[in-house]
Protein backbone atom coordinates (compact mmCIF):
# COMPACT_ATOMS: atom_id res chain seq x y z
CA MET A 1 57.51 59.71 -29.22
CA ARG A 2 56.72 56.07 -29.74
CA ARG A 3 58.52 55.01 -26.58
CA PRO A 4 56.28 56.93 -24.10
CA LEU A 5 53.18 55.75 -25.97
CA LEU A 6 54.38 52.15 -25.83
CA ALA A 7 55.24 52.49 -22.15
CA GLY A 8 51.78 53.98 -21.46
CA CYS A 9 50.01 51.13 -23.28
CA LEU A 10 52.11 48.58 -21.42
CA ALA A 11 51.27 50.21 -18.09
CA ILE A 12 47.56 50.19 -18.89
CA ALA A 13 47.73 46.55 -19.98
CA LEU A 14 49.56 45.52 -16.81
CA PHE A 15 47.87 47.71 -14.23
CA GLY A 16 44.55 48.61 -15.81
CA CYS A 17 43.23 52.11 -16.03
CA GLY A 18 44.56 53.22 -12.71
CA VAL A 19 41.94 51.32 -10.71
CA PRO A 20 43.58 48.52 -8.73
CA PHE A 21 41.94 45.10 -8.67
CA PRO A 22 39.82 44.63 -5.55
CA VAL A 23 41.68 42.72 -2.90
CA GLU A 24 39.93 41.31 0.13
CA GLU A 25 42.50 40.91 2.84
CA ASP A 26 40.33 38.91 5.25
CA VAL A 27 39.61 36.03 2.83
CA THR A 28 40.97 32.73 4.08
CA LEU A 29 40.80 29.40 2.32
CA LEU A 30 39.12 26.77 4.44
CA PRO A 31 39.48 23.04 3.87
CA PRO A 32 36.37 21.35 2.41
CA PRO A 33 33.90 20.06 4.99
CA PRO A 34 34.13 16.39 5.92
CA PRO A 35 31.82 14.03 4.01
CA ASP A 36 28.36 13.50 5.45
CA ALA A 37 28.30 10.12 7.19
CA THR A 38 24.60 9.65 6.42
CA VAL A 39 25.13 9.76 2.66
CA GLY A 40 26.56 6.63 1.10
CA PRO A 41 28.78 6.50 -1.93
CA PRO A 42 27.17 6.39 -5.35
CA GLY A 43 26.36 2.93 -6.60
CA PRO A 44 24.38 0.01 -5.24
CA ALA A 45 22.82 0.31 -1.81
CA LEU A 46 24.84 -0.94 1.13
CA THR A 47 21.81 -2.79 2.47
CA PRO A 48 19.56 -4.89 0.25
CA GLN A 49 16.47 -3.10 -1.00
CA ALA A 50 13.08 -4.54 -1.93
CA PRO A 51 12.39 -4.87 -5.66
CA ASP A 52 10.18 -2.30 -7.38
CA ALA A 53 6.83 -3.17 -8.95
CA PHE A 54 4.79 -1.14 -11.44
CA ILE A 55 1.34 -1.96 -12.83
CA LEU A 56 0.97 -1.07 -16.51
CA SER A 57 -2.48 -2.54 -17.02
CA PRO A 58 -5.17 -2.13 -15.80
CA LEU A 59 -4.89 1.55 -14.97
CA ASP A 60 -6.19 2.89 -11.67
CA GLY A 61 -9.93 3.55 -11.98
CA THR A 62 -10.54 1.15 -14.89
CA VAL A 63 -14.20 0.19 -15.20
CA VAL A 64 -14.67 -3.61 -15.20
CA ALA A 65 -17.71 -5.85 -15.60
CA PRO A 66 -18.23 -9.40 -14.32
CA GLY A 67 -17.23 -12.13 -16.76
CA VAL A 68 -14.86 -9.90 -18.74
CA SER A 69 -11.25 -11.03 -19.21
CA LEU A 70 -8.75 -8.49 -17.95
CA LEU A 71 -5.08 -8.31 -19.04
CA LEU A 72 -2.79 -7.91 -16.03
CA ARG A 73 0.55 -6.44 -17.05
CA GLY A 74 3.31 -5.16 -14.79
CA VAL A 75 7.05 -4.64 -14.60
CA LEU A 76 9.49 -5.60 -11.85
CA SER A 77 12.96 -4.16 -11.32
CA ASP A 78 15.66 -4.70 -8.72
CA ASP A 79 19.13 -3.18 -8.36
CA ASP A 80 20.32 -6.00 -6.09
CA ASP A 81 19.06 -9.19 -7.77
CA ALA A 82 18.70 -10.66 -11.25
CA LEU A 83 15.19 -10.36 -12.70
CA ASP A 84 14.87 -14.13 -13.17
CA SER A 85 15.39 -14.59 -9.41
CA LEU A 86 12.37 -12.42 -8.55
CA THR A 87 8.81 -13.63 -8.07
CA ALA A 88 5.68 -11.71 -9.03
CA ARG A 89 2.38 -12.39 -7.34
CA TRP A 90 -0.90 -11.00 -8.69
CA GLU A 91 -3.54 -10.77 -5.94
CA LEU A 92 -7.13 -9.63 -5.52
CA ASP A 93 -7.69 -6.77 -3.12
CA ASP A 94 -8.71 -9.28 -0.39
CA GLY A 95 -5.33 -11.09 -0.67
CA GLU A 96 -6.50 -14.07 -2.74
CA VAL A 97 -3.68 -15.06 -5.10
CA ILE A 98 -4.48 -14.97 -8.82
CA GLU A 99 -1.11 -16.21 -10.09
CA VAL A 100 2.56 -16.43 -9.10
CA ILE A 101 5.00 -15.96 -12.02
CA THR A 102 8.63 -15.20 -12.80
CA PRO A 103 9.31 -12.04 -14.82
CA THR A 104 10.73 -12.17 -18.34
CA ALA A 105 14.28 -11.00 -19.07
CA ASP A 106 13.04 -7.40 -19.32
CA GLY A 107 11.01 -7.62 -16.08
CA LEU A 108 7.55 -8.03 -17.65
CA VAL A 109 4.93 -10.00 -15.70
CA GLU A 110 1.73 -10.69 -17.60
CA THR A 111 -1.34 -12.83 -17.22
CA SER A 112 -5.09 -12.61 -17.81
CA PHE A 113 -7.90 -12.86 -15.32
CA THR A 114 -11.68 -13.12 -15.63
CA ILE A 115 -13.63 -10.74 -13.40
CA PRO A 116 -15.76 -12.83 -10.98
CA PRO A 117 -19.57 -12.50 -10.92
CA GLU A 118 -19.47 -10.57 -7.64
CA GLY A 119 -17.21 -7.93 -9.22
CA LEU A 120 -13.81 -6.68 -8.21
CA GLU A 121 -12.65 -3.52 -6.47
CA GLY A 122 -8.88 -3.77 -6.82
CA LEU A 123 -5.77 -5.71 -7.75
CA ARG A 124 -2.29 -5.87 -6.29
CA LEU A 125 1.10 -6.81 -7.77
CA VAL A 126 3.66 -8.01 -5.23
CA ALA A 127 7.35 -8.30 -6.12
CA VAL A 128 9.47 -10.61 -3.94
CA ASP A 129 13.26 -11.07 -4.11
CA PRO A 130 15.20 -14.22 -3.09
CA GLY A 131 15.89 -12.73 0.35
CA GLY A 132 12.17 -12.34 1.03
CA LEU A 133 12.06 -8.56 0.68
CA SER A 134 8.85 -7.48 -1.02
CA LYS A 135 7.07 -4.43 -2.33
CA SER A 136 3.51 -4.17 -3.56
CA VAL A 137 1.56 -1.76 -5.70
CA SER A 138 -2.18 -1.74 -6.24
CA VAL A 139 -4.88 -0.27 -8.45
CA SER A 140 -8.53 0.41 -7.68
CA LEU A 141 -11.14 -0.80 -10.12
CA VAL A 142 -14.69 0.41 -10.67
CA ALA A 143 -17.37 -2.31 -10.92
CA ASN A 144 -19.86 -1.89 -13.74
CA SER A 145 -22.54 -4.51 -13.35
CA PRO A 146 -25.25 -4.87 -15.93
CA PRO A 147 -28.57 -3.50 -14.69
CA GLY A 148 -30.96 -5.97 -13.07
CA ALA A 149 -34.65 -6.35 -13.69
CA ILE A 150 -36.68 -3.19 -13.49
CA GLU A 151 -38.91 -3.17 -10.45
CA ALA A 152 -42.46 -1.94 -10.84
């Protein structure tokens, strides 16, 4: 009596409950597609890229008044070149250079600047690598001049 029961359990374990596993006869294994020639391997770029620049301070839309000292703080980064080989250039929105500096070991570029009497509408940080590749980022500023004399 145990033998037929054991044989039945073994048959169920091996073949299931009488329902065969689905088999798709027209399935063929295809080789993987060739790699896309437009996508490079992971890692550094094959062609040099311009450094990145980010302005931390002042924020876009900061209200500034003439004669006030403004802290200019930004960060440079570059996958191709060492940070100490980069140059940072702070500029007014008209292109006038405020200061040219080398970033610190962590990429920080910082200076201060006094807002001119005529006001200021924007600033730009330009990052330049040794090969001359550059990238700039800018912020717009809002001028807040003290009120003039009241006209009667």
